[in-house]
Amino acid sequence: MKLFVASSSLVAKPLISTLLVGKDHQLLGLITNPDKATGRGMQIEANELATWAQSEKIQTYKPSTHDEIRLIIEKNKPDLVITLHMGS
Protein backbone atom coordinates (compact mmCIF):
# COMPACT_ATOMS: atom_id res chain seq x y z
CA MET A 1 0.00 0.00 0.00
CA LYS A 2 1.36 3.44 -0.96
CA LEU A 3 1.08 5.98 1.87
CA PHE A 4 1.62 9.60 2.74
CA VAL A 5 1.78 10.93 6.27
CA ALA A 6 0.37 14.44 6.67
CA SER A 7 1.52 16.13 9.87
CA SER A 8 3.62 18.91 11.34
CA SER A 9 3.91 17.36 14.79
CA LEU A 10 6.73 15.20 16.13
CA VAL A 11 4.01 12.81 17.35
CA ALA A 12 4.12 11.42 13.78
CA LYS A 13 7.80 10.47 14.01
CA PRO A 14 7.26 6.94 15.47
CA LEU A 15 4.66 6.15 12.80
CA ILE A 16 6.92 7.34 10.00
CA SER A 17 9.87 5.39 11.44
CA THR A 18 7.75 2.24 11.59
CA LEU A 19 6.57 2.68 8.00
CA LEU A 20 10.16 3.08 6.83
CA VAL A 21 11.28 -0.29 8.19
CA GLY A 22 8.11 -2.19 7.31
CA LYS A 23 7.86 -4.15 4.10
CA ASP A 24 4.08 -4.09 3.73
CA HIS A 25 3.82 -0.39 2.83
CA GLN A 26 5.61 2.18 0.73
CA LEU A 27 5.97 5.60 2.36
CA LEU A 28 5.72 8.13 -0.45
CA GLY A 29 6.62 11.01 1.82
CA LEU A 30 5.57 13.58 4.36
CA ILE A 31 3.09 16.35 3.63
CA THR A 32 3.64 19.15 6.14
CA ASN A 33 3.25 22.88 6.66
CA PRO A 34 5.32 25.36 4.67
CA ASP A 35 8.27 26.98 6.42
CA LYS A 36 7.30 30.01 8.51
CA ALA A 37 8.81 32.85 10.47
CA THR A 38 9.48 31.90 14.09
CA GLY A 39 11.34 33.15 17.14
CA ARG A 40 12.43 36.64 18.08
CA GLY A 41 14.35 37.08 14.85
CA MET A 42 11.36 35.85 12.84
CA GLN A 43 13.64 33.68 10.74
CA ILE A 44 12.00 31.38 8.21
CA GLU A 45 12.31 27.81 9.52
CA ALA A 46 10.88 24.38 8.85
CA ASN A 47 8.88 22.65 11.59
CA GLU A 48 10.74 20.05 13.65
CA LEU A 49 9.09 17.10 11.90
CA ALA A 50 10.06 18.42 8.46
CA THR A 51 13.63 19.01 9.61
CA TRP A 52 13.84 15.46 10.95
CA ALA A 53 12.24 13.95 7.82
CA GLN A 54 14.65 15.75 5.54
CA SER A 55 17.61 14.56 7.63
CA GLU A 56 16.28 11.00 7.16
CA LYS A 57 16.06 11.54 3.38
CA ILE A 58 12.25 11.31 3.43
CA GLN A 59 10.56 13.10 0.54
CA THR A 60 8.97 16.17 2.15
CA TYR A 61 6.23 18.26 0.56
CA LYS A 62 5.27 21.68 1.93
CA PRO A 63 2.19 22.76 0.00
CA SER A 64 0.75 26.18 0.76
CA THR A 65 -2.60 25.81 -1.02
CA HIS A 66 -5.30 23.19 -1.45
CA ASP A 67 -4.45 23.05 -5.16
CA GLU A 68 -0.84 22.17 -4.36
CA ILE A 69 -2.02 19.36 -2.06
CA ARG A 70 -4.34 18.07 -4.79
CA LEU A 71 -1.49 18.05 -7.31
CA ILE A 72 0.77 16.09 -4.94
CA ILE A 73 -1.98 13.51 -4.43
CA GLU A 74 -2.82 13.28 -8.13
CA LYS A 75 0.84 12.88 -9.13
CA ASN A 76 1.72 10.22 -6.56
CA LYS A 77 -1.61 8.35 -6.35
CA PRO A 78 -1.37 7.13 -2.74
CA ASP A 79 -3.74 4.47 -1.49
CA LEU A 80 -4.00 6.24 1.85
CA VAL A 81 -3.03 9.55 3.47
CA ILE A 82 -2.64 9.32 7.25
CA THR A 83 -3.22 12.66 8.93
CA LEU A 84 -1.79 12.86 12.41
CA HIS A 85 -1.63 15.72 14.89
CA MET A 86 -1.85 16.02 18.62
CA GLY A 87 -2.41 19.63 19.56
CA SER A 88 -2.60 21.29 22.91
PDB file of N, CA and C in Angstrom:
ATOM      1  N   MET A   1       0.836  -1.170   0.000  1.00  0.00           N
ATOM      2  CA  MET A   1       0.000   0.000   0.000  1.00  0.00           C
ATOM      3  C   MET A   1       0.888   1.242   0.000  1.00  0.00           C
ATOM      4  N   LYS A   2       0.596   2.193  -0.874  1.00  0.00           N
ATOM      5  CA  LYS A   2       1.358   3.441  -0.960  1.00  0.00           C
ATOM      6  C   LYS A   2       0.724   4.470  -0.034  1.00  0.00           C
ATOM      7  N   LEU A   3       1.574   5.081   0.822  1.00  0.00           N
ATOM      8  CA  LEU A   3       1.077   5.975   1.866  1.00  0.00           C
ATOM      9  C   LEU A   3       1.800   7.312   1.887  1.00  0.00           C
ATOM     10  N   PHE A   4       1.064   8.330   2.316  1.00  0.00           N
ATOM     11  CA  PHE A   4       1.622   9.601   2.737  1.00  0.00           C
ATOM     12  C   PHE A   4       1.276   9.768   4.199  1.00  0.00           C
ATOM     13  N   VAL A   5       2.123  10.457   4.934  1.00  0.00           N
ATOM     14  CA  VAL A   5       1.775  10.928   6.269  1.00  0.00           C
ATOM     15  C   VAL A   5       1.677  12.441   6.160  1.00  0.00           C
ATOM     16  N   ALA A   6       0.579  13.001   6.667  1.00  0.00           N
ATOM     17  CA  ALA A   6       0.371  14.444   6.673  1.00  0.00           C
ATOM     18  C   ALA A   6       0.373  14.905   8.123  1.00  0.00           C
ATOM     19  N   SER A   7       1.393  15.662   8.491  1.00  0.00           N
ATOM     20  CA  SER A   7       1.521  16.127   9.871  1.00  0.00           C
ATOM     21  C   SER A   7       2.595  17.189   9.962  1.00  0.00           C
ATOM     22  N   SER A   8       2.536  17.977  11.025  1.00  0.00           N
ATOM     23  CA  SER A   8       3.619  18.913  11.335  1.00  0.00           C
ATOM     24  C   SER A   8       4.087  18.709  12.774  1.00  0.00           C
ATOM     25  N   SER A   9       3.620  17.637  13.382  1.00  0.00           N
ATOM     26  CA  SER A   9       3.909  17.358  14.787  1.00  0.00           C
ATOM     27  C   SER A   9       4.880  16.185  14.923  1.00  0.00           C
ATOM     28  N   LEU A  10       5.786  16.292  15.881  1.00  0.00           N
ATOM     29  CA  LEU A  10       6.729  15.197  16.133  1.00  0.00           C
ATOM     30  C   LEU A  10       6.033  13.928  16.596  1.00  0.00           C
ATOM     31  N   VAL A  11       4.761  14.012  16.966  1.00  0.00           N
ATOM     32  CA  VAL A  11       4.014  12.813  17.351  1.00  0.00           C
ATOM     33  C   VAL A  11       3.937  11.824  16.187  1.00  0.00           C
ATOM     34  N   ALA A  12       4.151  12.291  14.964  1.00  0.00           N
ATOM     35  CA  ALA A  12       4.118  11.424  13.780  1.00  0.00           C
ATOM     36  C   ALA A  12       5.435  10.677  13.548  1.00  0.00           C
ATOM     37  N   LYS A  13       6.484  11.068  14.227  1.00  0.00           N
ATOM     38  CA  LYS A  13       7.804  10.467  14.005  1.00  0.00           C
ATOM     39  C   LYS A  13       7.820   8.953  14.223  1.00  0.00           C
ATOM     40  N   PRO A  14       7.244   8.409  15.308  1.00  0.00           N
ATOM     41  CA  PRO A  14       7.258   6.944  15.466  1.00  0.00           C
ATOM     42  C   PRO A  14       6.516   6.211  14.347  1.00  0.00           C
ATOM     43  N   LEU A  15       5.399   6.771  13.905  1.00  0.00           N
ATOM     44  CA  LEU A  15       4.661   6.151  12.804  1.00  0.00           C
ATOM     45  C   LEU A  15       5.504   6.132  11.538  1.00  0.00           C
ATOM     46  N   ILE A  16       6.100   7.257  11.209  1.00  0.00           N
ATOM     47  CA  ILE A  16       6.923   7.338  10.003  1.00  0.00           C
ATOM     48  C   ILE A  16       8.102   6.364  10.091  1.00  0.00           C
ATOM     49  N   SER A  17       8.743   6.310  11.246  1.00  0.00           N
ATOM     50  CA  SER A  17       9.874   5.391  11.438  1.00  0.00           C
ATOM     51  C   SER A  17       9.448   3.944  11.236  1.00  0.00           C
ATOM     52  N   THR A  18       8.276   3.597  11.751  1.00  0.00           N
ATOM     53  CA  THR A  18       7.753   2.238  11.588  1.00  0.00           C
ATOM     54  C   THR A  18       7.459   1.933  10.125  1.00  0.00           C
ATOM     55  N   LEU A  19       6.875   2.885   9.425  1.00  0.00           N
ATOM     56  CA  LEU A  19       6.572   2.680   8.002  1.00  0.00           C
ATOM     57  C   LEU A  19       7.843   2.507   7.182  1.00  0.00           C
ATOM     58  N   LEU A  20       8.902   3.180   7.574  1.00  0.00           N
ATOM     59  CA  LEU A  20      10.164   3.084   6.831  1.00  0.00           C
ATOM     60  C   LEU A  20      10.791   1.703   6.909  1.00  0.00           C
ATOM     61  N   VAL A  21      10.652   1.027   8.045  1.00  0.00           N
ATOM     62  CA  VAL A  21      11.283  -0.285   8.194  1.00  0.00           C
ATOM     63  C   VAL A  21      10.359  -1.431   7.792  1.00  0.00           C
ATOM     64  N   GLY A  22       9.062  -1.154   7.701  1.00  0.00           N
ATOM     65  CA  GLY A  22       8.114  -2.189   7.310  1.00  0.00           C
ATOM     66  C   GLY A  22       8.225  -2.527   5.837  1.00  0.00           C
ATOM     67  N   LYS A  23       7.801  -3.709   5.500  1.00  0.00           N
ATOM     68  CA  LYS A  23       7.863  -4.153   4.103  1.00  0.00           C
ATOM     69  C   LYS A  23       6.477  -4.226   3.456  1.00  0.00           C
ATOM     70  N   ASP A  24       5.438  -3.983   4.252  1.00  0.00           N
ATOM     71  CA  ASP A  24       4.079  -4.085   3.734  1.00  0.00           C
ATOM     72  C   ASP A  24       3.595  -2.804   3.066  1.00  0.00           C
ATOM     73  N   HIS A  25       4.280  -1.682   3.327  1.00  0.00           N
ATOM     74  CA  HIS A  25       3.824  -0.391   2.833  1.00  0.00           C
ATOM     75  C   HIS A  25       4.981   0.383   2.221  1.00  0.00           C
ATOM     76  N   GLN A  26       4.629   1.285   1.334  1.00  0.00           N
ATOM     77  CA  GLN A  26       5.615   2.180   0.730  1.00  0.00           C
ATOM     78  C   GLN A  26       5.283   3.600   1.160  1.00  0.00           C
ATOM     79  N   LEU A  27       6.171   4.220   1.948  1.00  0.00           N
ATOM     80  CA  LEU A  27       5.972   5.601   2.359  1.00  0.00           C
ATOM     81  C   LEU A  27       6.388   6.506   1.209  1.00  0.00           C
ATOM     82  N   LEU A  28       5.431   7.218   0.657  1.00  0.00           N
ATOM     83  CA  LEU A  28       5.715   8.131  -0.452  1.00  0.00           C
ATOM     84  C   LEU A  28       6.334   9.430   0.036  1.00  0.00           C
ATOM     85  N   GLY A  29       6.041   9.787   1.281  1.00  0.00           N
ATOM     86  CA  GLY A  29       6.623  11.009   1.820  1.00  0.00           C
ATOM     87  C   GLY A  29       5.771  11.628   2.899  1.00  0.00           C
ATOM     88  N   LEU A  30       6.234  12.779   3.334  1.00  0.00           N
ATOM     89  CA  LEU A  30       5.567  13.580   4.358  1.00  0.00           C
ATOM     90  C   LEU A  30       4.978  14.819   3.714  1.00  0.00           C
ATOM     91  N   ILE A  31       3.729  15.091   4.027  1.00  0.00           N
ATOM     92  CA  ILE A  31       3.095  16.348   3.634  1.00  0.00           C
ATOM     93  C   ILE A  31       2.984  17.169   4.914  1.00  0.00           C
ATOM     94  N   THR A  32       3.589  18.350   4.917  1.00  0.00           N
ATOM     95  CA  THR A  32       3.636  19.151   6.135  1.00  0.00           C
ATOM     96  C   THR A  32       3.454  20.628   5.805  1.00  0.00           C
ATOM     97  N   ASN A  33       3.450  21.439   6.836  1.00  0.00           N
ATOM     98  CA  ASN A  33       3.251  22.878   6.662  1.00  0.00           C
ATOM     99  C   ASN A  33       4.453  23.521   5.980  1.00  0.00           C
ATOM    100  N   PRO A  34       4.200  24.608   5.244  1.00  0.00           N
ATOM    101  CA  PRO A  34       5.316  25.362   4.670  1.00  0.00           C
ATOM    102  C   PRO A  34       6.168  25.979   5.790  1.00  0.00           C
ATOM    103  N   ASP A  35       7.408  26.290   5.467  1.00  0.00           N
ATOM    104  CA  ASP A  35       8.274  26.976   6.419  1.00  0.00           C
ATOM    105  C   ASP A  35       7.635  28.309   6.798  1.00  0.00           C
ATOM    106  N   LYS A  36       7.882  28.737   8.063  1.00  0.00           N
ATOM    107  CA  LYS A  36       7.296  30.005   8.505  1.00  0.00           C
ATOM    108  C   LYS A  36       8.261  30.737   9.425  1.00  0.00           C
ATOM    109  N   ALA A  37       7.988  32.006   9.609  1.00  0.00           N
ATOM    110  CA  ALA A  37       8.807  32.854  10.474  1.00  0.00           C
ATOM    111  C   ALA A  37       8.538  32.497  11.932  1.00  0.00           C
ATOM    112  N   THR A  38       9.616  32.246  12.675  1.00  0.00           N
ATOM    113  CA  THR A  38       9.483  31.898  14.087  1.00  0.00           C
ATOM    114  C   THR A  38      10.577  32.565  14.910  1.00  0.00           C
ATOM    115  N   GLY A  39      10.350  32.613  16.213  1.00  0.00           N
ATOM    116  CA  GLY A  39      11.338  33.153  17.136  1.00  0.00           C
ATOM    117  C   GLY A  39      11.414  34.660  17.108  1.00  0.00           C
ATOM    118  N   ARG A  40      12.274  35.182  17.969  1.00  0.00           N
ATOM    119  CA  ARG A  40      12.434  36.642  18.081  1.00  0.00           C
ATOM    120  C   ARG A  40      12.927  37.267  16.790  1.00  0.00           C
ATOM    121  N   GLY A  41      13.807  36.558  16.103  1.00  0.00           N
ATOM    122  CA  GLY A  41      14.348  37.082  14.855  1.00  0.00           C
ATOM    123  C   GLY A  41      13.433  36.875  13.671  1.00  0.00           C
ATOM    124  N   MET A  42      12.325  36.161  13.895  1.00  0.00           N
ATOM    125  CA  MET A  42      11.359  35.855  12.839  1.00  0.00           C
ATOM    126  C   MET A  42      12.043  35.288  11.598  1.00  0.00           C
ATOM    127  N   GLN A  43      12.961  34.344  11.838  1.00  0.00           N
ATOM    128  CA  GLN A  43      13.640  33.677  10.742  1.00  0.00           C
ATOM    129  C   GLN A  43      12.742  32.587  10.181  1.00  0.00           C
ATOM    130  N   ILE A  44      12.782  32.410   8.882  1.00  0.00           N
ATOM    131  CA  ILE A  44      11.997  31.381   8.212  1.00  0.00           C
ATOM    132  C   ILE A  44      12.612  30.025   8.535  1.00  0.00           C
ATOM    133  N   GLU A  45      11.814  29.130   9.138  1.00  0.00           N
ATOM    134  CA  GLU A  45      12.311  27.813   9.521  1.00  0.00           C
ATOM    135  C   GLU A  45      11.272  26.741   9.233  1.00  0.00           C
ATOM    136  N   ALA A  46      11.748  25.544   9.010  1.00  0.00           N
ATOM    137  CA  ALA A  46      10.877  24.382   8.855  1.00  0.00           C
ATOM    138  C   ALA A  46      10.426  23.915  10.236  1.00  0.00           C
ATOM    139  N   ASN A  47       9.290  23.235  10.309  1.00  0.00           N
ATOM    140  CA  ASN A  47       8.882  22.652  11.589  1.00  0.00           C
ATOM    141  C   ASN A  47       9.812  21.488  11.928  1.00  0.00           C
ATOM    142  N   GLU A  48       9.802  21.078  13.195  1.00  0.00           N
ATOM    143  CA  GLU A  48      10.744  20.048  13.653  1.00  0.00           C
ATOM    144  C   GLU A  48      10.564  18.719  12.924  1.00  0.00           C
ATOM    145  N   LEU A  49       9.327  18.357  12.606  1.00  0.00           N
ATOM    146  CA  LEU A  49       9.089  17.103  11.896  1.00  0.00           C
ATOM    147  C   LEU A  49       9.688  17.155  10.492  1.00  0.00           C
ATOM    148  N   ALA A  50       9.500  18.270   9.806  1.00  0.00           N
ATOM    149  CA  ALA A  50      10.056  18.421   8.457  1.00  0.00           C
ATOM    150  C   ALA A  50      11.576  18.372   8.492  1.00  0.00           C
ATOM    151  N   THR A  51      12.175  19.023   9.477  1.00  0.00           N
ATOM    152  CA  THR A  51      13.627  19.015   9.611  1.00  0.00           C
ATOM    153  C   THR A  51      14.138  17.590   9.825  1.00  0.00           C
ATOM    154  N   TRP A  52      13.465  16.846  10.711  1.00  0.00           N
ATOM    155  CA  TRP A  52      13.845  15.455  10.955  1.00  0.00           C
ATOM    156  C   TRP A  52      13.676  14.617   9.687  1.00  0.00           C
ATOM    157  N   ALA A  53      12.521  14.754   9.025  1.00  0.00           N
ATOM    158  CA  ALA A  53      12.242  13.953   7.822  1.00  0.00           C
ATOM    159  C   ALA A  53      13.288  14.202   6.743  1.00  0.00           C
ATOM    160  N   GLN A  54      13.646  15.441   6.553  1.00  0.00           N
ATOM    161  CA  GLN A  54      14.649  15.752   5.537  1.00  0.00           C
ATOM    162  C   GLN A  54      16.006  15.167   5.916  1.00  0.00           C
ATOM    163  N   SER A  55      16.338  15.155   7.209  1.00  0.00           N
ATOM    164  CA  SER A  55      17.608  14.559   7.632  1.00  0.00           C
ATOM    165  C   SER A  55      17.619  13.044   7.421  1.00  0.00           C
ATOM    166  N   GLU A  56      16.424  12.435   7.407  1.00  0.00           N
ATOM    167  CA  GLU A  56      16.282  11.000   7.163  1.00  0.00           C
ATOM    168  C   GLU A  56      16.088  10.683   5.683  1.00  0.00           C
ATOM    169  N   LYS A  57      16.213  11.692   4.841  1.00  0.00           N
ATOM    170  CA  LYS A  57      16.064  11.543   3.380  1.00  0.00           C
ATOM    171  C   LYS A  57      14.656  11.118   2.973  1.00  0.00           C
ATOM    172  N   ILE A  58      13.651  11.571   3.738  1.00  0.00           N
ATOM    173  CA  ILE A  58      12.246  11.307   3.428  1.00  0.00           C
ATOM    174  C   ILE A  58      11.745  12.441   2.545  1.00  0.00           C
ATOM    175  N   GLN A  59      11.125  12.091   1.436  1.00  0.00           N
ATOM    176  CA  GLN A  59      10.557  13.103   0.544  1.00  0.00           C
ATOM    177  C   GLN A  59       9.575  13.955   1.350  1.00  0.00           C
ATOM    178  N   THR A  60       9.787  15.269   1.351  1.00  0.00           N
ATOM    179  CA  THR A  60       8.968  16.168   2.154  1.00  0.00           C
ATOM    180  C   THR A  60       8.326  17.209   1.248  1.00  0.00           C
ATOM    181  N   TYR A  61       7.009  17.298   1.344  1.00  0.00           N
ATOM    182  CA  TYR A  61       6.234  18.258   0.564  1.00  0.00           C
ATOM    183  C   TYR A  61       5.684  19.305   1.514  1.00  0.00           C
ATOM    184  N   LYS A  62       5.741  20.577   1.096  1.00  0.00           N
ATOM    185  CA  LYS A  62       5.268  21.679   1.926  1.00  0.00           C
ATOM    186  C   LYS A  62       4.298  22.552   1.131  1.00  0.00           C
ATOM    187  N   PRO A  63       3.149  21.999   0.801  1.00  0.00           N
ATOM    188  CA  PRO A  63       2.188  22.760   0.000  1.00  0.00           C
ATOM    189  C   PRO A  63       1.611  23.936   0.794  1.00  0.00           C
ATOM    190  N   SER A  64       1.321  25.017   0.089  1.00  0.00           N
ATOM    191  CA  SER A  64       0.751  26.183   0.756  1.00  0.00           C
ATOM    192  C   SER A  64      -0.696  26.448   0.342  1.00  0.00           C
ATOM    193  N   THR A  65      -1.202  25.651  -0.607  1.00  0.00           N
ATOM    194  CA  THR A  65      -2.600  25.812  -1.019  1.00  0.00           C
ATOM    195  C   THR A  65      -3.250  24.437  -1.189  1.00  0.00           C
ATOM    196  N   HIS A  66      -4.563  24.436  -1.211  1.00  0.00           N
ATOM    197  CA  HIS A  66      -5.297  23.186  -1.452  1.00  0.00           C
ATOM    198  C   HIS A  66      -4.981  22.631  -2.836  1.00  0.00           C
ATOM    199  N   ASP A  67      -4.787  23.507  -3.808  1.00  0.00           N
ATOM    200  CA  ASP A  67      -4.449  23.052  -5.162  1.00  0.00           C
ATOM    201  C   ASP A  67      -3.102  22.335  -5.184  1.00  0.00           C
ATOM    202  N   GLU A  68      -2.138  22.831  -4.423  1.00  0.00           N
ATOM    203  CA  GLU A  68      -0.835  22.166  -4.358  1.00  0.00           C
ATOM    204  C   GLU A  68      -0.962  20.785  -3.721  1.00  0.00           C
ATOM    205  N   ILE A  69      -1.788  20.672  -2.687  1.00  0.00           N
ATOM    206  CA  ILE A  69      -2.019  19.358  -2.065  1.00  0.00           C
ATOM    207  C   ILE A  69      -2.654  18.413  -3.075  1.00  0.00           C
ATOM    208  N   ARG A  70      -3.660  18.892  -3.779  1.00  0.00           N
ATOM    209  CA  ARG A  70      -4.340  18.075  -4.787  1.00  0.00           C
ATOM    210  C   ARG A  70      -3.360  17.581  -5.842  1.00  0.00           C
ATOM    211  N   LEU A  71      -2.463  18.444  -6.294  1.00  0.00           N
ATOM    212  CA  LEU A  71      -1.486  18.050  -7.306  1.00  0.00           C
ATOM    213  C   LEU A  71      -0.524  16.974  -6.787  1.00  0.00           C
ATOM    214  N   ILE A  72      -0.106  17.090  -5.540  1.00  0.00           N
ATOM    215  CA  ILE A  72       0.773  16.086  -4.938  1.00  0.00           C
ATOM    216  C   ILE A  72       0.069  14.731  -4.914  1.00  0.00           C
ATOM    217  N   ILE A  73      -1.197  14.746  -4.506  1.00  0.00           N
ATOM    218  CA  ILE A  73      -1.979  13.505  -4.427  1.00  0.00           C
ATOM    219  C   ILE A  73      -2.196  12.918  -5.826  1.00  0.00           C
ATOM    220  N   GLU A  74      -2.576  13.762  -6.773  1.00  0.00           N
ATOM    221  CA  GLU A  74      -2.823  13.281  -8.134  1.00  0.00           C
ATOM    222  C   GLU A  74      -1.559  12.710  -8.773  1.00  0.00           C
ATOM    223  N   LYS A  75      -0.417  13.332  -8.533  1.00  0.00           N
ATOM    224  CA  LYS A  75       0.839  12.884  -9.134  1.00  0.00           C
ATOM    225  C   LYS A  75       1.303  11.552  -8.546  1.00  0.00           C
ATOM    226  N   ASN A  76       1.164  11.388  -7.240  1.00  0.00           N
ATOM    227  CA  ASN A  76       1.718  10.219  -6.555  1.00  0.00           C
ATOM    228  C   ASN A  76       0.730   9.077  -6.357  1.00  0.00           C
ATOM    229  N   LYS A  77      -0.544   9.353  -6.439  1.00  0.00           N
ATOM    230  CA  LYS A  77      -1.605   8.346  -6.351  1.00  0.00           C
ATOM    231  C   LYS A  77      -1.466   7.407  -5.134  1.00  0.00           C
ATOM    232  N   PRO A  78      -1.450   7.994  -3.920  1.00  0.00           N
ATOM    233  CA  PRO A  78      -1.370   7.130  -2.738  1.00  0.00           C
ATOM    234  C   PRO A  78      -2.666   6.360  -2.538  1.00  0.00           C
ATOM    235  N   ASP A  79      -2.555   5.221  -1.876  1.00  0.00           N
ATOM    236  CA  ASP A  79      -3.739   4.472  -1.487  1.00  0.00           C
ATOM    237  C   ASP A  79      -4.367   5.068  -0.233  1.00  0.00           C
ATOM    238  N   LEU A  80      -3.537   5.716   0.585  1.00  0.00           N
ATOM    239  CA  LEU A  80      -4.002   6.244   1.853  1.00  0.00           C
ATOM    240  C   LEU A  80      -3.120   7.423   2.278  1.00  0.00           C
ATOM    241  N   VAL A  81      -3.758   8.448   2.851  1.00  0.00           N
ATOM    242  CA  VAL A  81      -3.033   9.549   3.474  1.00  0.00           C
ATOM    243  C   VAL A  81      -3.411   9.531   4.951  1.00  0.00           C
ATOM    244  N   ILE A  82      -2.406   9.329   5.812  1.00  0.00           N
ATOM    245  CA  ILE A  82      -2.636   9.322   7.250  1.00  0.00           C
ATOM    246  C   ILE A  82      -2.360  10.714   7.781  1.00  0.00           C
ATOM    247  N   THR A  83      -3.368  11.347   8.340  1.00  0.00           N
ATOM    248  CA  THR A  83      -3.221  12.664   8.930  1.00  0.00           C
ATOM    249  C   THR A  83      -3.113  12.519  10.425  1.00  0.00           C
ATOM    250  N   LEU A  84      -2.061  13.070  10.993  1.00  0.00           N
ATOM    251  CA  LEU A  84      -1.791  12.858  12.410  1.00  0.00           C
ATOM    252  C   LEU A  84      -1.329  14.154  13.059  1.00  0.00           C
ATOM    253  N   HIS A  85      -2.030  14.535  14.125  1.00  0.00           N
ATOM    254  CA  HIS A  85      -1.634  15.718  14.893  1.00  0.00           C
ATOM    255  C   HIS A  85      -2.187  15.576  16.302  1.00  0.00           C
ATOM    256  N   MET A  86      -1.402  16.028  17.236  1.00  0.00           N
ATOM    257  CA  MET A  86      -1.854  16.021  18.616  1.00  0.00           C
ATOM    258  C   MET A  86      -1.582  17.403  19.164  1.00  0.00           C
ATOM    259  N   GLY A  87      -2.577  18.257  19.122  1.00  0.00           N
ATOM    260  CA  GLY A  87      -2.406  19.628  19.556  1.00  0.00           C
ATOM    261  C   GLY A  87      -2.711  19.825  21.029  1.00  0.00           C
ATOM    262  N   SER A  88      -2.336  20.983  21.497  1.00  0.00           N
ATOM    263  CA  SER A  88      -2.602  21.288  22.911  1.00  0.00           C
ATOM    264  C   SER A  88      -3.858  22.126  23.054  1.00  0.00           C
TER     265      SER A  88
END
